[in-house]
Amino acid sequence: KKLMESTIQIAQKCSFSLDELTYEYPKELVPSEYTAYEWLSKLTRIGIEQRWPEGISEKAHKIIEHELRLIKSLNYEHYFLTVYDIVSFARKQKILCQGRGSAANSIVCYCLGITEVDPEKVEVLFERFLSKERNEPPDIDVDFENDRREEVIQYIYFKYGRERAGIVASITTYRSRSAIKDVGKALGLSDKLLDHLSKSIYWWGSNLEDQLSDAKLDYEDPTIKKSPSEVSTESYDLSLFVPPKYFLHKIFPSKSIL
């Protein structure tokens, strides 16, 4: 009986929730006499003096204090310091760079030199970039000039080590509908015709003639003419679509065509 009671007591003390498994951003290097938040606040104050040498408005100052409090409460100060460090390196090396996207809603990013949107001239909404309610980490997009981007990448590898840094990329893959629409636009075909074609041709293959016929388009005619269903009032050279893969690879040589 005692063994059973002890087992129940231990089981009651054991609890687990998947919510406890959260990502913890790596600690950024800061001067030993500062915490990450204190260092971020100091850099922000330095930025205030540089951005507003004549003095900052009360409105902007309140927004900055609000942003800093929210950044601290969500433990994102290390992330901001990382982006600041990378951008600072680029600017010191005279590498063109520019923060963009929702980060432009942050006055702290403006003070850190990450973005260039003056909050005194436009209405910014910080919660579009970061908020407790969404419970999502911030995403600061920064573009670097293409010819010198490799220098920034190598700096990141040098500072953090290749075992702690990596490149992530996305690859666009074309399917029938998107391929037809993009190629057709490049060739100057009307939106009405492209919309009809993209909905009619459901795959590439030897039956392209049958598919065009089903779409009421004459495969043998040197032009795609106006169909009985009022597809288009213009005429187009059908050879632009035959063979489709050839033209797609000509126009999008770096894309994968499915």
Protein backbone atom coordinates (compact mmCIF):
# COMPACT_ATOMS: atom_id res chain seq x y z
CA LYS A 1 0.00 0.00 0.00
CA LYS A 2 2.80 2.42 0.90
CA LEU A 3 4.51 1.62 -2.39
CA MET A 4 1.33 2.44 -4.29
CA GLU A 5 0.86 5.71 -2.38
CA SER A 6 4.45 6.73 -3.08
CA THR A 7 3.98 5.94 -6.77
CA ILE A 8 0.88 8.12 -6.92
CA GLN A 9 2.67 10.97 -5.15
CA ILE A 10 5.55 10.83 -7.62
CA ALA A 11 3.15 10.69 -10.57
CA GLN A 12 1.29 13.75 -9.29
CA LYS A 13 4.54 15.69 -9.11
CA CYS A 14 5.44 14.79 -12.68
CA SER A 15 4.02 17.15 -15.25
CA PHE A 16 4.98 17.99 -18.82
CA SER A 17 3.63 20.19 -21.56
CA LEU A 18 4.88 20.67 -25.10
CA ASP A 19 4.63 24.40 -24.41
CA GLU A 20 7.71 23.98 -22.22
CA LEU A 21 9.79 23.09 -25.29
CA THR A 22 10.68 26.54 -26.56
CA TYR A 23 13.61 27.76 -28.61
CA GLU A 24 16.17 29.75 -26.66
CA TYR A 25 18.10 32.25 -28.75
CA PRO A 26 21.89 32.06 -28.24
CA LYS A 27 23.47 34.67 -26.00
CA GLU A 28 25.10 37.56 -27.84
CA LEU A 29 28.46 38.92 -26.71
CA VAL A 30 28.10 42.11 -24.66
CA PRO A 31 30.56 44.11 -22.53
CA SER A 32 31.05 42.43 -19.16
CA GLU A 33 29.67 45.38 -17.19
CA TYR A 34 26.33 45.26 -19.04
CA THR A 35 23.43 42.87 -19.34
CA ALA A 36 22.06 42.31 -22.84
CA TYR A 37 19.13 44.62 -22.14
CA GLU A 38 21.35 47.35 -20.69
CA TRP A 39 23.65 47.18 -23.71
CA LEU A 40 20.73 47.31 -26.13
CA SER A 41 19.32 50.30 -24.25
CA LYS A 42 22.69 52.07 -24.37
CA LEU A 43 23.06 51.48 -28.11
CA THR A 44 19.53 52.76 -28.60
CA ARG A 45 20.32 55.94 -26.64
CA ILE A 46 23.44 56.47 -28.76
CA GLY A 47 21.26 56.06 -31.83
CA ILE A 48 18.78 58.62 -30.50
CA GLU A 49 21.54 61.20 -30.26
CA GLN A 50 22.65 60.45 -33.81
CA ARG A 51 19.16 60.39 -35.32
CA TRP A 52 17.85 63.42 -33.42
CA PRO A 53 20.82 65.70 -32.66
CA GLU A 54 18.38 68.52 -31.88
CA GLY A 55 16.44 66.38 -29.41
CA ILE A 56 13.83 63.65 -29.71
CA SER A 57 10.10 64.29 -29.44
CA GLU A 58 8.15 63.08 -26.41
CA LYS A 59 6.02 60.86 -28.65
CA ALA A 60 9.00 59.05 -30.18
CA HIS A 61 10.66 58.70 -26.77
CA LYS A 62 7.58 57.01 -25.30
CA ILE A 63 7.40 54.60 -28.23
CA ILE A 64 11.06 53.66 -27.77
CA GLU A 65 10.55 52.97 -24.07
CA HIS A 66 7.52 50.83 -24.91
CA GLU A 67 9.47 48.86 -27.51
CA LEU A 68 12.40 48.25 -25.17
CA ARG A 69 10.12 47.01 -22.40
CA LEU A 70 8.39 44.61 -24.78
CA ILE A 71 11.70 43.36 -26.20
CA LYS A 72 12.93 42.67 -22.67
CA SER A 73 9.74 40.93 -21.55
CA LEU A 74 9.94 38.57 -24.55
CA ASN A 75 13.71 38.01 -24.15
CA TYR A 76 14.59 39.17 -27.67
CA GLU A 77 17.36 41.62 -26.78
CA HIS A 78 20.06 39.17 -27.92
CA TYR A 79 18.44 38.85 -31.34
CA PHE A 80 18.39 42.62 -31.83
CA LEU A 81 22.04 42.80 -30.79
CA THR A 82 22.98 40.13 -33.34
CA VAL A 83 21.32 41.98 -36.21
CA TYR A 84 22.84 45.26 -35.01
CA ASP A 85 26.31 43.70 -34.99
CA ILE A 86 25.97 42.33 -38.53
CA VAL A 87 24.63 45.61 -39.91
CA SER A 88 27.35 47.56 -38.07
CA PHE A 89 30.02 45.37 -39.66
CA ALA A 90 28.56 45.96 -43.12
CA ARG A 91 28.40 49.72 -42.67
CA LYS A 92 31.96 49.89 -41.33
CA GLN A 93 33.11 48.01 -44.43
CA LYS A 94 30.99 50.35 -46.60
CA ILE A 95 28.83 47.44 -47.74
CA LEU A 96 25.44 48.71 -48.83
CA CYS A 97 22.67 47.26 -46.68
CA GLN A 98 19.11 48.07 -45.77
CA GLY A 99 16.61 46.67 -43.28
CA ARG A 100 13.09 46.28 -44.64
CA GLY A 101 9.71 44.70 -44.04
CA SER A 102 7.83 44.87 -40.77
CA ALA A 103 11.05 45.82 -38.92
CA ALA A 104 10.56 49.31 -40.35
CA ASN A 105 7.78 49.67 -37.76
CA SER A 106 10.37 49.58 -34.98
CA ILE A 107 11.92 52.84 -33.81
CA VAL A 108 14.53 50.81 -31.91
CA CYS A 109 15.64 49.34 -35.26
CA TYR A 110 15.78 52.88 -36.61
CA CYS A 111 17.97 53.99 -33.70
CA LEU A 112 20.26 50.99 -34.17
CA GLY A 113 20.76 51.91 -37.84
CA ILE A 114 19.08 48.74 -39.09
CA THR A 115 16.26 50.56 -40.89
CA GLU A 116 15.93 54.06 -42.33
CA VAL A 117 12.24 54.85 -41.82
CA ASP A 118 11.95 58.08 -39.85
CA PRO A 119 9.12 57.60 -37.31
CA GLU A 120 8.62 61.36 -37.17
CA LYS A 121 7.52 61.36 -40.81
CA VAL A 122 5.35 58.23 -40.98
CA GLU A 123 2.96 56.44 -38.65
CA VAL A 124 4.58 53.24 -37.40
CA LEU A 125 2.88 50.34 -35.63
CA PHE A 126 5.38 48.33 -33.61
CA GLU A 127 2.85 45.54 -32.91
CA ARG A 128 2.86 44.72 -36.62
CA PHE A 129 6.49 43.74 -36.08
CA LEU A 130 6.41 42.33 -32.55
CA SER A 131 3.62 41.72 -30.05
CA LYS A 132 2.84 39.55 -27.05
CA GLU A 133 -0.51 38.53 -28.49
CA ARG A 134 0.95 36.91 -31.61
CA ASN A 135 3.64 35.14 -29.59
CA GLU A 136 5.94 35.00 -32.62
CA PRO A 137 9.65 35.87 -32.74
CA PRO A 138 10.62 39.03 -34.63
CA ASP A 139 11.84 38.78 -38.20
CA ILE A 140 14.27 41.47 -39.32
CA ASP A 141 14.99 41.29 -43.06
CA VAL A 142 18.21 42.96 -44.18
CA ASP A 143 19.36 43.19 -47.80
CA PHE A 144 23.08 43.40 -48.61
CA GLU A 145 24.55 44.41 -51.93
CA ASN A 146 24.96 41.34 -54.09
CA ASP A 147 28.62 41.82 -55.01
CA ARG A 148 29.76 41.97 -51.37
CA ARG A 149 27.25 39.75 -49.63
CA GLU A 150 29.86 37.01 -49.30
CA GLU A 151 31.93 39.28 -47.04
CA VAL A 152 29.02 39.48 -44.60
CA ILE A 153 28.54 35.71 -44.70
CA GLN A 154 32.21 35.09 -43.98
CA TYR A 155 32.09 37.57 -41.09
CA ILE A 156 29.23 35.60 -39.53
CA TYR A 157 31.15 32.34 -39.97
CA PHE A 158 34.25 33.94 -38.46
CA LYS A 159 32.45 35.32 -35.42
CA TYR A 160 30.15 32.42 -34.57
CA GLY A 161 31.97 29.49 -36.14
CA ARG A 162 30.86 27.34 -39.05
CA GLU A 163 29.43 24.77 -36.65
CA ARG A 164 27.03 27.40 -35.28
CA ALA A 165 26.00 29.23 -38.46
CA GLY A 166 24.45 28.12 -41.72
CA ILE A 167 22.66 29.34 -44.83
CA VAL A 168 18.97 28.69 -45.36
CA ALA A 169 17.38 29.19 -48.78
CA SER A 170 14.06 28.61 -50.48
CA ILE A 171 13.70 27.35 -54.05
CA THR A 172 10.77 28.28 -56.26
CA THR A 173 9.33 25.38 -58.23
CA TYR A 174 7.06 26.03 -61.18
CA ARG A 175 3.96 24.00 -61.91
CA SER A 176 1.75 24.22 -64.95
CA ARG A 177 -0.48 27.14 -63.99
CA SER A 178 2.20 29.44 -62.62
CA ALA A 179 4.55 28.57 -65.50
CA ILE A 180 1.93 29.44 -68.13
CA LYS A 181 1.03 32.71 -66.44
CA ASP A 182 4.61 33.91 -65.96
CA VAL A 183 5.76 32.93 -69.45
CA GLY A 184 2.61 34.38 -70.98
CA LYS A 185 3.12 37.69 -69.21
CA ALA A 186 6.70 37.82 -70.45
CA LEU A 187 5.41 37.22 -73.99
CA GLY A 188 2.75 39.90 -73.69
CA LEU A 189 -0.37 37.72 -73.73
CA SER A 190 -3.57 39.08 -72.22
CA ASP A 191 -4.59 38.23 -68.67
CA LYS A 192 -7.90 36.88 -69.96
CA LEU A 193 -6.24 34.38 -72.29
CA LEU A 194 -3.64 33.37 -69.70
CA ASP A 195 -6.31 32.77 -67.10
CA HIS A 196 -8.20 30.54 -69.55
CA LEU A 197 -5.05 28.64 -70.56
CA SER A 198 -3.83 28.11 -67.01
CA LYS A 199 -7.17 26.60 -66.02
CA SER A 200 -7.40 24.45 -69.16
CA ILE A 201 -3.92 22.91 -69.45
CA TYR A 202 -3.60 20.62 -66.47
CA TRP A 203 -0.26 18.93 -67.26
CA TRP A 204 2.56 18.92 -69.82
CA GLY A 205 2.84 15.97 -72.14
CA SER A 206 2.09 14.50 -75.53
CA ASN A 207 -1.62 15.26 -75.16
CA LEU A 208 -1.12 19.05 -75.26
CA GLU A 209 -3.08 19.15 -78.53
CA ASP A 210 -6.09 17.48 -76.91
CA GLN A 211 -5.95 19.82 -73.95
CA LEU A 212 -5.91 22.89 -76.20
CA SER A 213 -8.78 21.43 -78.17
CA ASP A 214 -10.75 20.92 -74.96
CA ALA A 215 -10.07 24.58 -74.19
CA LYS A 216 -11.58 25.50 -77.60
CA LEU A 217 -8.20 26.63 -78.93
CA ASP A 218 -7.03 25.46 -82.36
CA TYR A 219 -3.69 23.68 -82.09
CA GLU A 220 -3.12 23.55 -85.88
CA ASP A 221 -3.85 27.20 -86.50
CA PRO A 222 -0.69 29.38 -86.48
CA THR A 223 -2.46 31.68 -84.06
CA ILE A 224 -4.68 31.21 -81.05
CA LYS A 225 -7.82 32.96 -82.19
CA LYS A 226 -10.92 34.12 -80.45
CA SER A 227 -12.90 31.06 -79.40
CA PRO A 228 -16.68 30.64 -79.38
CA SER A 229 -16.54 31.05 -75.61
CA GLU A 230 -15.12 34.58 -75.98
CA VAL A 231 -11.69 33.63 -74.65
CA SER A 232 -9.94 36.60 -76.22
CA THR A 233 -10.42 39.26 -78.88
CA GLU A 234 -6.78 39.06 -79.94
CA SER A 235 -4.70 36.57 -81.95
CA TYR A 236 -1.50 34.94 -80.71
CA ASP A 237 1.19 32.76 -82.19
CA LEU A 238 0.57 29.24 -80.88
CA SER A 239 4.21 28.32 -81.40
CA LEU A 240 4.98 30.41 -78.32
CA PHE A 241 3.61 27.53 -76.28
CA VAL A 242 5.18 24.62 -78.21
CA PRO A 243 7.22 22.96 -76.87
CA PRO A 244 6.43 24.62 -73.49
CA LYS A 245 9.37 23.29 -71.51
CA TYR A 246 11.85 24.70 -74.02
CA PHE A 247 10.55 28.23 -73.64
CA LEU A 248 10.21 27.97 -69.88
CA HIS A 249 13.84 26.97 -69.52
CA LYS A 250 14.86 29.76 -71.87
CA ILE A 251 13.07 32.37 -69.79
CA PHE A 252 13.61 30.81 -66.35
CA PRO A 253 16.95 28.96 -66.67
CA SER A 254 17.44 28.82 -62.90
CA LYS A 255 13.98 27.47 -62.10
CA SER A 256 12.80 23.90 -61.84
CA ILE A 257 9.85 23.09 -64.08
CA LEU A 258 7.43 20.39 -62.98
